[in-house]
Amino acid sequence: MNYDEFVSYLLKKYGPAKYDYFTNATCKTKSKRISRTKEGLFCHHIDEDKGYVLSHTGCALEQPFEYQKAERLVYCNYIEHLLLHILIGKNAFWSKRQKLIAPKQFSYFIVPGVSYICSEINLLYDQNGSSVEWRNRCFKKIENNFEDYIYILNSFIQYIVDNYSGNINQKEIMVGQHLIHKELGEGIITDIDGEEIFSEVTIHLQIVRKSFIEIRLIKEIIIRK
């Protein structure tokens, strides 16, 4: 099922929106009448496959107001919202590229929607709900679907692995390892914070004057076990 088909499925499942997302074209005030969190549902902008962060005033003003119209909104639960953004990332990547060859390209699939939604769902399952009433109602909608959630995540990861055609034999980095930066010269890794795909690496670099500086870099690593 592609993005458009899934949107159509959700429109039939929950019915169409009756009101625009914002009360007018200034996009300053969100319409209270669009909310269905009492039913455990979120309101998703269908055109987020073309636009970006359409629920925020600053970004909304930079894009067509048509994206905010009732007929361009669809309702979904937490897990369905995740699936919508997985499909958006997938379509956005392949519409502009033919190969997945670099770890840094993974971000196209997960930022911003997937990573944000997953962090919320993870916290809800970890804490068995939320003290925030509307968020807890949304959690109750998926409370018994933890295995479905894990299946979706595993399938998503497997999709990335199956379609990755870059180097899978990169060496694991470690504290004490020496390296050479093409502009800043020789350095040594002094700390690694995080695991596997995304790690924050602290490097001491020795520059021309023999003084030391410390910088923090985001190092993306593929570790195939």
N, C-alpha and C. Protein backbone atom coordinates (compact mmCIF):
# COMPACT_ATOMS: atom_id res chain seq x y z
N MET A 1 0.84 -1.20 0.00
CA MET A 1 0.00 0.00 0.00
C MET A 1 0.88 1.25 0.00
N ASN A 2 0.69 2.14 -0.97
CA ASN A 2 1.49 3.35 -1.01
C ASN A 2 0.84 4.46 -0.16
N TYR A 3 1.46 5.63 -0.16
CA TYR A 3 0.99 6.72 0.71
C TYR A 3 -0.44 7.13 0.38
N ASP A 4 -0.73 7.37 -0.88
CA ASP A 4 -2.06 7.82 -1.28
C ASP A 4 -3.13 6.78 -0.94
N GLU A 5 -2.79 5.52 -1.13
CA GLU A 5 -3.73 4.45 -0.81
C GLU A 5 -4.00 4.37 0.69
N PHE A 6 -2.95 4.58 1.47
CA PHE A 6 -3.11 4.53 2.93
C PHE A 6 -3.95 5.71 3.42
N VAL A 7 -3.72 6.88 2.83
CA VAL A 7 -4.53 8.05 3.17
C VAL A 7 -6.00 7.77 2.87
N SER A 8 -6.27 7.20 1.72
CA SER A 8 -7.66 6.86 1.34
C SER A 8 -8.28 5.88 2.33
N TYR A 9 -7.48 4.91 2.75
CA TYR A 9 -7.95 3.92 3.73
C TYR A 9 -8.34 4.61 5.04
N LEU A 10 -7.50 5.54 5.51
CA LEU A 10 -7.78 6.24 6.76
C LEU A 10 -8.98 7.17 6.65
N LEU A 11 -9.14 7.80 5.51
CA LEU A 11 -10.31 8.66 5.30
C LEU A 11 -11.60 7.86 5.39
N LYS A 12 -11.58 6.64 4.87
CA LYS A 12 -12.76 5.79 4.96
C LYS A 12 -12.94 5.27 6.38
N LYS A 13 -11.86 4.99 7.06
CA LYS A 13 -11.92 4.42 8.41
C LYS A 13 -12.44 5.42 9.43
N TYR A 14 -11.94 6.66 9.37
CA TYR A 14 -12.28 7.65 10.39
C TYR A 14 -13.17 8.80 9.88
N GLY A 15 -13.36 8.85 8.58
CA GLY A 15 -14.14 9.94 8.03
C GLY A 15 -13.29 11.17 7.76
N PRO A 16 -13.73 12.05 6.88
CA PRO A 16 -12.96 13.25 6.53
C PRO A 16 -13.02 14.32 7.61
N ALA A 17 -12.06 15.24 7.58
CA ALA A 17 -12.09 16.39 8.48
C ALA A 17 -13.18 17.36 8.02
N LYS A 18 -13.76 18.06 8.97
CA LYS A 18 -14.83 19.00 8.65
C LYS A 18 -14.38 20.46 8.69
N TYR A 19 -13.19 20.69 9.26
CA TYR A 19 -12.72 22.07 9.43
C TYR A 19 -11.27 22.20 9.00
N ASP A 20 -10.87 23.41 8.65
CA ASP A 20 -9.47 23.69 8.30
C ASP A 20 -8.61 23.58 9.55
N TYR A 21 -7.31 23.35 9.36
CA TYR A 21 -6.40 23.17 10.50
C TYR A 21 -6.26 24.47 11.29
N PHE A 22 -6.02 25.58 10.59
CA PHE A 22 -5.95 26.90 11.24
C PHE A 22 -7.25 27.66 10.97
N THR A 23 -7.57 28.59 11.85
CA THR A 23 -8.83 29.31 11.72
C THR A 23 -8.86 30.25 10.52
N ASN A 24 -7.67 30.74 10.11
CA ASN A 24 -7.60 31.60 8.92
C ASN A 24 -6.20 31.53 8.33
N ALA A 25 -5.98 32.29 7.25
CA ALA A 25 -4.72 32.20 6.49
C ALA A 25 -3.51 32.78 7.21
N THR A 26 -3.69 33.42 8.37
CA THR A 26 -2.53 33.89 9.14
C THR A 26 -1.82 32.73 9.83
N CYS A 27 -2.52 31.60 9.94
CA CYS A 27 -1.97 30.37 10.54
C CYS A 27 -1.46 30.57 11.97
N LYS A 28 -2.08 31.49 12.69
CA LYS A 28 -1.65 31.75 14.07
C LYS A 28 -2.43 30.94 15.08
N THR A 29 -3.68 30.60 14.74
CA THR A 29 -4.53 29.92 15.71
C THR A 29 -5.04 28.60 15.14
N LYS A 30 -4.71 27.53 15.82
CA LYS A 30 -5.18 26.21 15.42
C LYS A 30 -6.65 26.06 15.77
N SER A 31 -7.43 25.55 14.86
CA SER A 31 -8.85 25.37 15.11
C SER A 31 -9.07 24.27 16.15
N LYS A 32 -9.80 24.59 17.21
CA LYS A 32 -10.08 23.60 18.24
C LYS A 32 -11.03 22.51 17.72
N ARG A 33 -11.75 22.82 16.66
CA ARG A 33 -12.76 21.90 16.16
C ARG A 33 -12.17 20.73 15.36
N ILE A 34 -10.87 20.82 15.04
CA ILE A 34 -10.27 19.71 14.30
C ILE A 34 -9.81 18.57 15.21
N SER A 35 -9.70 18.87 16.51
CA SER A 35 -9.14 17.88 17.44
C SER A 35 -10.08 16.69 17.63
N ARG A 36 -9.46 15.49 17.57
CA ARG A 36 -10.20 14.26 17.89
C ARG A 36 -9.40 13.40 18.87
N THR A 37 -8.61 14.07 19.71
CA THR A 37 -7.82 13.33 20.69
C THR A 37 -8.71 12.64 21.73
N LYS A 38 -9.95 13.10 21.87
CA LYS A 38 -10.87 12.40 22.77
C LYS A 38 -11.13 10.97 22.28
N GLU A 39 -10.93 10.79 20.97
CA GLU A 39 -11.07 9.46 20.37
C GLU A 39 -9.72 8.77 20.21
N GLY A 40 -8.66 9.44 20.67
CA GLY A 40 -7.32 8.86 20.55
C GLY A 40 -6.70 9.06 19.18
N LEU A 41 -7.17 10.07 18.44
CA LEU A 41 -6.72 10.28 17.06
C LEU A 41 -5.96 11.59 16.89
N PHE A 42 -5.03 11.56 15.96
CA PHE A 42 -4.28 12.75 15.57
C PHE A 42 -4.78 13.26 14.22
N CYS A 43 -4.54 14.54 13.97
CA CYS A 43 -4.86 15.13 12.68
C CYS A 43 -3.56 15.29 11.89
N HIS A 44 -3.49 14.65 10.74
CA HIS A 44 -2.29 14.64 9.91
C HIS A 44 -2.52 15.43 8.62
N HIS A 45 -1.53 16.25 8.26
CA HIS A 45 -1.59 16.98 6.99
C HIS A 45 -1.22 16.04 5.84
N ILE A 46 -2.15 15.81 4.95
CA ILE A 46 -1.90 14.92 3.82
C ILE A 46 -0.73 15.41 2.98
N ASP A 47 -0.58 16.73 2.85
CA ASP A 47 0.45 17.29 1.99
C ASP A 47 1.83 17.39 2.64
N GLU A 48 2.01 16.71 3.77
CA GLU A 48 3.35 16.67 4.35
C GLU A 48 4.30 15.83 3.51
N ASP A 49 3.78 15.16 2.50
CA ASP A 49 4.67 14.49 1.56
C ASP A 49 5.25 15.49 0.56
N LYS A 50 4.69 16.69 0.54
CA LYS A 50 5.22 17.76 -0.32
C LYS A 50 5.74 18.93 0.50
N GLY A 51 5.10 19.20 1.62
CA GLY A 51 5.50 20.30 2.48
C GLY A 51 6.29 19.82 3.67
N TYR A 52 6.36 20.66 4.71
CA TYR A 52 7.15 20.30 5.90
C TYR A 52 6.60 21.04 7.12
N VAL A 53 6.53 20.35 8.24
CA VAL A 53 6.11 20.90 9.54
C VAL A 53 4.91 21.83 9.37
N LEU A 54 3.86 21.33 8.76
CA LEU A 54 2.72 22.15 8.40
C LEU A 54 1.86 22.58 9.59
N SER A 55 2.10 22.01 10.75
CA SER A 55 1.30 22.38 11.92
C SER A 55 1.87 23.58 12.68
N HIS A 56 3.04 24.07 12.27
CA HIS A 56 3.67 25.20 12.94
C HIS A 56 3.53 26.46 12.10
N THR A 57 3.19 27.55 12.76
CA THR A 57 2.86 28.80 12.07
C THR A 57 3.93 29.25 11.09
N GLY A 58 5.17 29.32 11.56
CA GLY A 58 6.25 29.82 10.70
C GLY A 58 6.40 29.04 9.42
N CYS A 59 6.38 27.72 9.53
CA CYS A 59 6.52 26.86 8.35
C CYS A 59 5.25 26.90 7.49
N ALA A 60 4.10 26.94 8.14
CA ALA A 60 2.83 26.96 7.41
C ALA A 60 2.72 28.19 6.51
N LEU A 61 3.20 29.33 7.00
CA LEU A 61 3.12 30.57 6.24
C LEU A 61 4.00 30.56 5.00
N GLU A 62 4.99 29.68 4.99
CA GLU A 62 5.90 29.60 3.84
C GLU A 62 5.36 28.69 2.75
N GLN A 63 4.22 28.07 3.00
CA GLN A 63 3.67 27.08 2.08
C GLN A 63 2.20 27.39 1.77
N PRO A 64 1.65 26.79 0.72
CA PRO A 64 0.27 27.11 0.33
C PRO A 64 -0.74 26.86 1.45
N PHE A 65 -1.66 27.80 1.62
CA PHE A 65 -2.69 27.63 2.64
C PHE A 65 -3.62 26.46 2.29
N GLU A 66 -3.65 26.08 1.02
CA GLU A 66 -4.46 24.94 0.61
C GLU A 66 -4.08 23.68 1.38
N TYR A 67 -2.81 23.61 1.83
CA TYR A 67 -2.37 22.45 2.60
C TYR A 67 -3.10 22.35 3.94
N GLN A 68 -3.69 23.47 4.39
CA GLN A 68 -4.35 23.52 5.69
C GLN A 68 -5.85 23.28 5.61
N LYS A 69 -6.37 23.14 4.40
CA LYS A 69 -7.82 22.99 4.22
C LYS A 69 -8.31 21.63 4.72
N ALA A 70 -9.58 21.59 5.08
CA ALA A 70 -10.16 20.38 5.66
C ALA A 70 -9.99 19.16 4.77
N GLU A 71 -10.12 19.37 3.47
CA GLU A 71 -10.02 18.24 2.54
C GLU A 71 -8.59 17.72 2.39
N ARG A 72 -7.61 18.41 3.01
CA ARG A 72 -6.22 17.97 2.96
C ARG A 72 -5.75 17.47 4.34
N LEU A 73 -6.70 17.08 5.17
CA LEU A 73 -6.39 16.54 6.49
C LEU A 73 -6.95 15.13 6.61
N VAL A 74 -6.28 14.32 7.42
CA VAL A 74 -6.74 12.95 7.65
C VAL A 74 -6.46 12.59 9.11
N TYR A 75 -7.30 11.73 9.68
CA TYR A 75 -7.13 11.32 11.07
C TYR A 75 -6.47 9.94 11.15
N CYS A 76 -5.75 9.73 12.26
CA CYS A 76 -5.00 8.48 12.44
C CYS A 76 -4.64 8.31 13.90
N ASN A 77 -4.37 7.06 14.30
CA ASN A 77 -3.85 6.84 15.65
C ASN A 77 -2.33 6.94 15.63
N TYR A 78 -1.68 6.71 16.78
CA TYR A 78 -0.23 6.87 16.89
C TYR A 78 0.52 6.00 15.86
N ILE A 79 0.16 4.73 15.80
CA ILE A 79 0.89 3.81 14.92
C ILE A 79 0.61 4.11 13.45
N GLU A 80 -0.61 4.48 13.13
CA GLU A 80 -0.94 4.86 11.76
C GLU A 80 -0.22 6.14 11.36
N HIS A 81 -0.06 7.04 12.33
CA HIS A 81 0.70 8.27 12.06
C HIS A 81 2.15 7.94 11.73
N LEU A 82 2.72 6.99 12.47
CA LEU A 82 4.07 6.54 12.20
C LEU A 82 4.18 5.97 10.78
N LEU A 83 3.23 5.13 10.41
CA LEU A 83 3.25 4.52 9.08
C LEU A 83 3.16 5.59 7.98
N LEU A 84 2.35 6.62 8.19
CA LEU A 84 2.26 7.70 7.21
C LEU A 84 3.61 8.35 6.99
N HIS A 85 4.33 8.60 8.07
CA HIS A 85 5.62 9.27 7.94
C HIS A 85 6.72 8.34 7.42
N ILE A 86 6.61 7.06 7.69
CA ILE A 86 7.54 6.10 7.07
C ILE A 86 7.37 6.13 5.55
N LEU A 87 6.13 6.14 5.10
CA LEU A 87 5.84 6.19 3.67
C LEU A 87 6.29 7.51 3.05
N ILE A 88 6.13 8.62 3.78
CA ILE A 88 6.58 9.92 3.29
C ILE A 88 8.09 9.91 3.09
N GLY A 89 8.83 9.40 4.09
CA GLY A 89 10.28 9.35 3.98
C GLY A 89 10.75 8.46 2.85
N LYS A 90 10.11 7.34 2.72
CA LYS A 90 10.45 6.39 1.64
C LYS A 90 10.22 7.02 0.27
N ASN A 91 9.07 7.63 0.08
CA ASN A 91 8.76 8.24 -1.22
C ASN A 91 9.65 9.43 -1.52
N ALA A 92 9.91 10.24 -0.50
CA ALA A 92 10.75 11.43 -0.69
C ALA A 92 12.16 11.05 -1.09
N PHE A 93 12.68 9.98 -0.49
CA PHE A 93 14.05 9.57 -0.81
C PHE A 93 14.16 9.06 -2.24
N TRP A 94 13.32 8.11 -2.60
CA TRP A 94 13.45 7.47 -3.91
C TRP A 94 12.99 8.36 -5.06
N SER A 95 12.25 9.41 -4.77
CA SER A 95 11.84 10.33 -5.83
C SER A 95 13.02 11.16 -6.33
N LYS A 96 14.08 11.25 -5.50
CA LYS A 96 15.22 12.09 -5.87
C LYS A 96 16.52 11.29 -6.03
N ARG A 97 16.52 10.04 -5.61
CA ARG A 97 17.75 9.25 -5.61
C ARG A 97 17.49 7.85 -6.12
N GLN A 98 18.53 7.23 -6.65
CA GLN A 98 18.40 5.89 -7.19
C GLN A 98 19.07 4.84 -6.31
N LYS A 99 19.98 5.30 -5.41
CA LYS A 99 20.70 4.36 -4.56
C LYS A 99 20.80 4.86 -3.13
N LEU A 100 20.80 3.93 -2.21
CA LEU A 100 21.05 4.22 -0.80
C LEU A 100 22.45 3.71 -0.49
N ILE A 101 23.42 4.61 -0.49
CA ILE A 101 24.82 4.18 -0.43
C ILE A 101 25.61 4.76 0.73
N ALA A 102 25.01 5.67 1.51
CA ALA A 102 25.75 6.29 2.61
C ALA A 102 24.91 6.31 3.87
N PRO A 103 25.50 6.00 5.03
CA PRO A 103 24.75 6.00 6.28
C PRO A 103 24.04 7.32 6.57
N LYS A 104 24.64 8.44 6.15
CA LYS A 104 24.01 9.74 6.43
C LYS A 104 22.68 9.88 5.70
N GLN A 105 22.46 9.08 4.67
CA GLN A 105 21.19 9.13 3.95
C GLN A 105 20.04 8.53 4.75
N PHE A 106 20.34 7.77 5.80
CA PHE A 106 19.29 7.19 6.62
C PHE A 106 18.38 8.27 7.19
N SER A 107 18.97 9.45 7.44
CA SER A 107 18.20 10.53 8.06
C SER A 107 17.01 10.95 7.21
N TYR A 108 17.11 10.77 5.88
CA TYR A 108 16.00 11.14 5.01
C TYR A 108 14.75 10.31 5.32
N PHE A 109 14.95 9.12 5.85
CA PHE A 109 13.83 8.23 6.14
C PHE A 109 13.21 8.49 7.51
N ILE A 110 13.98 9.08 8.42
CA ILE A 110 13.50 9.16 9.81
C ILE A 110 13.29 10.57 10.34
N VAL A 111 13.77 11.60 9.62
CA VAL A 111 13.66 12.96 10.11
C VAL A 111 12.68 13.73 9.25
N PRO A 112 11.77 14.55 9.84
CA PRO A 112 11.59 14.68 11.28
C PRO A 112 10.53 13.75 11.86
N GLY A 113 9.59 13.30 11.04
CA GLY A 113 8.40 12.61 11.55
C GLY A 113 8.65 11.32 12.28
N VAL A 114 9.37 10.39 11.66
CA VAL A 114 9.51 9.06 12.23
C VAL A 114 10.22 9.08 13.58
N SER A 115 11.34 9.79 13.67
CA SER A 115 12.09 9.82 14.92
C SER A 115 11.28 10.45 16.05
N TYR A 116 10.55 11.51 15.74
CA TYR A 116 9.74 12.20 16.75
C TYR A 116 8.59 11.33 17.24
N ILE A 117 7.88 10.72 16.32
CA ILE A 117 6.73 9.89 16.69
C ILE A 117 7.19 8.66 17.48
N CYS A 118 8.28 8.05 17.03
CA CYS A 118 8.80 6.87 17.74
C CYS A 118 9.22 7.22 19.17
N SER A 119 9.84 8.37 19.35
CA SER A 119 10.28 8.76 20.70
C SER A 119 9.08 8.91 21.63
N GLU A 120 7.97 9.42 21.10
CA GLU A 120 6.76 9.56 21.92
C GLU A 120 6.15 8.18 22.23
N ILE A 121 6.05 7.34 21.21
CA ILE A 121 5.46 6.01 21.43
C ILE A 121 6.32 5.19 22.39
N ASN A 122 7.63 5.25 22.22
CA ASN A 122 8.54 4.51 23.11
C ASN A 122 8.33 4.91 24.56
N LEU A 123 8.23 6.23 24.78
CA LEU A 123 8.05 6.72 26.15
C LEU A 123 6.71 6.28 26.72
N LEU A 124 5.69 6.29 25.92
CA LEU A 124 4.36 5.87 26.39
C LEU A 124 4.33 4.40 26.78
N TYR A 125 4.94 3.56 25.95
CA TYR A 125 4.99 2.14 26.30
C TYR A 125 5.87 1.90 27.52
N ASP A 126 6.96 2.64 27.60
CA ASP A 126 7.88 2.48 28.73
C ASP A 126 7.23 2.88 30.04
N GLN A 127 6.43 3.95 30.01
CA GLN A 127 5.81 4.46 31.24
C GLN A 127 4.36 4.02 31.39
N ASN A 128 3.92 3.17 30.46
CA ASN A 128 2.55 2.66 30.49
C ASN A 128 1.52 3.79 30.49
N GLY A 129 1.74 4.75 29.61
CA GLY A 129 0.80 5.85 29.49
C GLY A 129 1.42 7.18 29.80
N SER A 130 0.56 8.17 30.01
CA SER A 130 1.02 9.54 30.27
C SER A 130 0.10 10.23 31.26
N SER A 131 0.66 11.16 32.01
CA SER A 131 -0.16 11.95 32.94
C SER A 131 -0.93 13.04 32.21
N VAL A 132 -0.54 13.29 30.95
CA VAL A 132 -1.26 14.26 30.13
C VAL A 132 -2.48 13.55 29.55
N GLU A 133 -3.65 14.04 29.86
CA GLU A 133 -4.88 13.31 29.56
C GLU A 133 -5.06 13.00 28.08
N TRP A 134 -4.89 14.01 27.21
CA TRP A 134 -5.13 13.76 25.79
C TRP A 134 -4.13 12.78 25.22
N ARG A 135 -2.87 12.87 25.69
CA ARG A 135 -1.85 11.95 25.20
C ARG A 135 -2.12 10.53 25.70
N ASN A 136 -2.61 10.42 26.90
CA ASN A 136 -2.92 9.10 27.44
C ASN A 136 -4.08 8.46 26.69
N ARG A 137 -5.05 9.27 26.27
CA ARG A 137 -6.16 8.73 25.46
C ARG A 137 -5.64 8.19 24.13
N CYS A 138 -4.67 8.91 23.55
CA CYS A 138 -4.08 8.45 22.29
C CYS A 138 -3.29 7.16 22.51
N PHE A 139 -2.66 7.04 23.69
CA PHE A 139 -1.94 5.81 23.99
C PHE A 139 -2.91 4.64 24.15
N LYS A 140 -4.03 4.87 24.81
CA LYS A 140 -5.01 3.80 25.02
C LYS A 140 -5.47 3.20 23.70
N LYS A 141 -5.45 4.03 22.65
CA LYS A 141 -5.88 3.57 21.33
C LYS A 141 -4.94 2.50 20.78
N ILE A 142 -3.66 2.51 21.21
CA ILE A 142 -2.67 1.55 20.69
C ILE A 142 -2.07 0.69 21.80
N GLU A 143 -2.62 0.80 22.99
CA GLU A 143 -2.04 0.13 24.16
C GLU A 143 -1.79 -1.35 23.93
N ASN A 144 -2.68 -2.01 23.23
CA ASN A 144 -2.57 -3.45 23.03
C ASN A 144 -1.91 -3.82 21.70
N ASN A 145 -1.25 -2.85 21.07
CA ASN A 145 -0.64 -3.08 19.77
C ASN A 145 0.88 -2.98 19.80
N PHE A 146 1.45 -3.31 20.95
CA PHE A 146 2.91 -3.21 21.08
C PHE A 146 3.62 -4.13 20.08
N GLU A 147 3.14 -5.35 19.93
CA GLU A 147 3.78 -6.29 19.00
C GLU A 147 3.68 -5.78 17.56
N ASP A 148 2.57 -5.14 17.22
CA ASP A 148 2.43 -4.55 15.89
C ASP A 148 3.45 -3.44 15.69
N TYR A 149 3.64 -2.64 16.73
CA TYR A 149 4.61 -1.54 16.68
C TYR A 149 6.02 -2.06 16.45
N ILE A 150 6.40 -3.10 17.19
CA ILE A 150 7.73 -3.68 17.04
C ILE A 150 7.89 -4.31 15.66
N TYR A 151 6.85 -4.94 15.16
CA TYR A 151 6.89 -5.53 13.82
C TYR A 151 7.13 -4.46 12.77
N ILE A 152 6.47 -3.33 12.90
CA ILE A 152 6.65 -2.23 11.95
C ILE A 152 8.09 -1.72 12.00
N LEU A 153 8.62 -1.54 13.20
CA LEU A 153 10.00 -1.05 13.33
C LEU A 153 10.99 -2.04 12.74
N ASN A 154 10.82 -3.33 13.04
CA ASN A 154 11.71 -4.35 12.49
C ASN A 154 11.63 -4.40 10.97
N SER A 155 10.43 -4.27 10.44
CA SER A 155 10.25 -4.28 8.98
C SER A 155 10.90 -3.06 8.35
N PHE A 156 10.79 -1.93 9.01
CA PHE A 156 11.39 -0.69 8.51
C PHE A 156 12.91 -0.80 8.48
N ILE A 157 13.48 -1.31 9.56
CA ILE A 157 14.94 -1.50 9.62
C ILE A 157 15.39 -2.49 8.56
N GLN A 158 14.65 -3.58 8.39
CA GLN A 158 15.00 -4.56 7.38
C GLN A 158 14.93 -3.97 5.99
N TYR A 159 13.97 -3.09 5.77
CA TYR A 159 13.85 -2.42 4.46
C TYR A 159 15.10 -1.59 4.18
N ILE A 160 15.58 -0.87 5.19
CA ILE A 160 16.80 -0.07 5.03
C ILE A 160 17.99 -0.97 4.71
N VAL A 161 18.12 -2.07 5.48
CA VAL A 161 19.23 -3.00 5.27
C VAL A 161 19.17 -3.60 3.87
N ASP A 162 18.00 -4.03 3.44
CA ASP A 162 17.85 -4.68 2.14
C ASP A 162 18.17 -3.74 0.98
N ASN A 163 17.91 -2.45 1.17
CA ASN A 163 18.10 -1.49 0.09
C ASN A 163 19.41 -0.73 0.16
N TYR A 164 20.19 -0.97 1.22
CA TYR A 164 21.48 -0.29 1.36
C TYR A 164 22.52 -0.99 0.49
N SER A 165 23.16 -0.20 -0.38
CA SER A 165 24.15 -0.77 -1.28
C SER A 165 25.54 -0.18 -1.09
N GLY A 166 25.75 0.48 0.05
CA GLY A 166 27.05 1.07 0.34
C GLY A 166 27.98 0.10 1.05
N ASN A 167 29.01 0.63 1.64
CA ASN A 167 30.02 -0.17 2.32
C ASN A 167 29.46 -0.72 3.63
N ILE A 168 29.47 -2.03 3.77
CA ILE A 168 28.98 -2.65 5.00
C ILE A 168 30.13 -3.22 5.83
N ASN A 169 31.33 -2.90 5.46
CA ASN A 169 32.51 -3.45 6.15
C ASN A 169 33.32 -2.35 6.84
N GLN A 170 32.64 -1.25 7.22
CA GLN A 170 33.35 -0.19 7.91
C GLN A 170 33.82 -0.68 9.27
N LYS A 171 35.00 -0.25 9.69
CA LYS A 171 35.55 -0.65 10.97
C LYS A 171 34.89 0.13 12.10
N GLU A 172 34.69 -0.55 13.20
CA GLU A 172 34.13 0.12 14.37
C GLU A 172 35.16 1.09 14.93
N ILE A 173 34.72 2.31 15.28
CA ILE A 173 35.65 3.27 15.86
C ILE A 173 35.74 3.03 17.35
N MET A 174 36.83 3.51 17.96
CA MET A 174 37.04 3.28 19.39
C MET A 174 37.85 4.40 20.00
N VAL A 175 37.73 4.56 21.31
CA VAL A 175 38.51 5.55 22.04
C VAL A 175 39.99 5.23 21.91
N GLY A 176 40.81 6.24 21.66
CA GLY A 176 42.25 6.06 21.48
C GLY A 176 42.66 5.93 20.03
N GLN A 177 41.68 5.80 19.15
CA GLN A 177 41.99 5.66 17.73
C GLN A 177 42.46 6.98 17.14
N HIS A 178 43.53 6.93 16.35
CA HIS A 178 44.06 8.12 15.68
C HIS A 178 43.37 8.28 14.33
N LEU A 179 43.20 9.53 13.94
CA LEU A 179 42.61 9.80 12.63
C LEU A 179 43.20 11.09 12.08
N ILE A 180 42.95 11.32 10.80
CA ILE A 180 43.44 12.54 10.15
C ILE A 180 42.28 13.22 9.45
N HIS A 181 42.03 14.48 9.85
CA HIS A 181 41.00 15.28 9.21
C HIS A 181 41.64 16.06 8.08
N LYS A 182 40.96 16.11 6.93
CA LYS A 182 41.56 16.72 5.75
C LYS A 182 41.86 18.20 5.93
N GLU A 183 41.16 18.87 6.87
CA GLU A 183 41.39 20.30 7.07
C GLU A 183 42.05 20.60 8.41
N LEU A 184 41.71 19.85 9.45
CA LEU A 184 42.19 20.16 10.80
C LEU A 184 43.38 19.33 11.24
N GLY A 185 43.75 18.36 10.43
CA GLY A 185 44.95 17.59 10.74
C GLY A 185 44.72 16.37 11.61
N GLU A 186 45.78 15.96 12.31
CA GLU A 186 45.75 14.72 13.08
C GLU A 186 45.05 14.89 14.42
N GLY A 187 44.33 13.84 14.82
CA GLY A 187 43.63 13.90 16.10
C GLY A 187 43.49 12.52 16.71
N ILE A 188 42.87 12.49 17.89
CA ILE A 188 42.66 11.23 18.59
C ILE A 188 41.27 11.24 19.22
N ILE A 189 40.57 10.12 19.13
CA ILE A 189 39.24 10.00 19.71
C ILE A 189 39.36 9.81 21.22
N THR A 190 38.70 10.71 21.97
CA THR A 190 38.79 10.65 23.43
C THR A 190 37.52 10.18 24.11
N ASP A 191 36.39 10.21 23.38
CA ASP A 191 35.14 9.78 24.01
C ASP A 191 34.12 9.45 22.92
N ILE A 192 33.29 8.44 23.18
CA ILE A 192 32.19 8.07 22.29
C ILE A 192 30.94 7.94 23.13
N ASP A 193 29.93 8.72 22.80
CA ASP A 193 28.67 8.70 23.53
C ASP A 193 27.57 8.21 22.61
N GLY A 194 26.97 7.08 22.94
CA GLY A 194 25.94 6.51 22.08
C GLY A 194 26.40 5.20 21.49
N GLU A 195 25.51 4.52 20.81
CA GLU A 195 25.82 3.21 20.27
C GLU A 195 25.40 3.08 18.82
N GLU A 196 26.09 2.24 18.13
CA GLU A 196 25.78 1.79 16.78
C GLU A 196 25.55 2.92 15.79
N ILE A 197 24.36 3.02 15.19
CA ILE A 197 24.19 3.87 14.03
C ILE A 197 24.55 5.32 14.29
N PHE A 198 24.10 5.91 15.41
CA PHE A 198 24.41 7.30 15.68
C PHE A 198 25.21 7.40 16.97
N SER A 199 26.42 7.94 16.87
CA SER A 199 27.26 8.14 18.04
C SER A 199 27.81 9.55 18.01
N GLU A 200 27.90 10.16 19.20
CA GLU A 200 28.53 11.47 19.32
C GLU A 200 29.98 11.24 19.74
N VAL A 201 30.90 11.72 18.92
CA VAL A 201 32.32 11.42 19.11
C VAL A 201 33.08 12.69 19.49
N THR A 202 33.87 12.63 20.56
CA THR A 202 34.73 13.75 20.95
C THR A 202 36.15 13.48 20.46
N ILE A 203 36.70 14.45 19.75
CA ILE A 203 38.03 14.30 19.14
C ILE A 203 38.93 15.46 19.56
N HIS A 204 40.14 15.16 20.00
CA HIS A 204 41.15 16.17 20.23
C HIS A 204 42.00 16.26 18.96
N LEU A 205 42.07 17.46 18.41
CA LEU A 205 42.83 17.68 17.19
C LEU A 205 44.04 18.56 17.46
N GLN A 206 45.19 18.14 16.94
CA GLN A 206 46.41 18.92 17.08
C GLN A 206 46.58 19.75 15.80
N ILE A 207 46.52 21.06 15.93
CA ILE A 207 46.62 21.93 14.78
C ILE A 207 48.04 22.44 14.61
N VAL A 208 48.23 23.29 13.65
CA VAL A 208 49.57 23.72 13.25
C VAL A 208 50.37 24.30 14.40
N ARG A 209 49.73 25.07 15.28
CA ARG A 209 50.45 25.70 16.38
C ARG A 209 50.70 24.74 17.55
N LYS A 210 50.39 23.50 17.36
CA LYS A 210 50.61 22.46 18.36
C LYS A 210 49.70 22.61 19.59
N SER A 211 48.69 23.49 19.50
CA SER A 211 47.72 23.59 20.58
C SER A 211 46.61 22.59 20.30
N PHE A 212 45.79 22.33 21.28
CA PHE A 212 44.74 21.34 21.13
C PHE A 212 43.37 21.99 21.20
N ILE A 213 42.48 21.51 20.39
CA ILE A 213 41.10 21.96 20.45
C ILE A 213 40.21 20.75 20.56
N GLU A 214 39.04 20.95 21.06
CA GLU A 214 38.09 19.85 21.19
C GLU A 214 36.86 20.18 20.38
N ILE A 215 36.43 19.29 19.55
CA ILE A 215 35.21 19.48 18.78
C ILE A 215 34.34 18.27 18.98
N ARG A 216 33.06 18.46 18.73
CA ARG A 216 32.14 17.34 18.83
C ARG A 216 31.53 17.11 17.48
N LEU A 217 31.58 15.88 17.04
CA LEU A 217 31.09 15.52 15.72
C LEU A 217 30.05 14.43 15.85
N ILE A 218 29.13 14.41 14.92
CA ILE A 218 28.19 13.30 14.84
C ILE A 218 28.75 12.32 13.82
N LYS A 219 29.08 11.15 14.27
CA LYS A 219 29.66 10.12 13.42
C LYS A 219 28.64 9.03 13.19
N GLU A 220 28.29 8.79 11.94
CA GLU A 220 27.34 7.73 11.62
C GLU A 220 28.10 6.47 11.25
N ILE A 221 27.76 5.40 11.91
CA ILE A 221 28.52 4.16 11.76
C ILE A 221 27.58 3.01 11.43
N ILE A 222 27.97 2.17 10.54
CA ILE A 222 27.24 0.92 10.32
C ILE A 222 28.03 -0.19 10.99
N ILE A 223 27.39 -0.91 11.86
CA ILE A 223 28.05 -2.05 12.51
C ILE A 223 27.26 -3.29 12.16
N ARG A 224 27.85 -4.14 11.42
CA ARG A 224 27.17 -5.38 11.02
C ARG A 224 27.68 -6.51 11.89
N LYS A 225 26.82 -7.04 12.70
CA LYS A 225 27.27 -8.08 13.63
C LYS A 225 26.97 -9.45 13.04
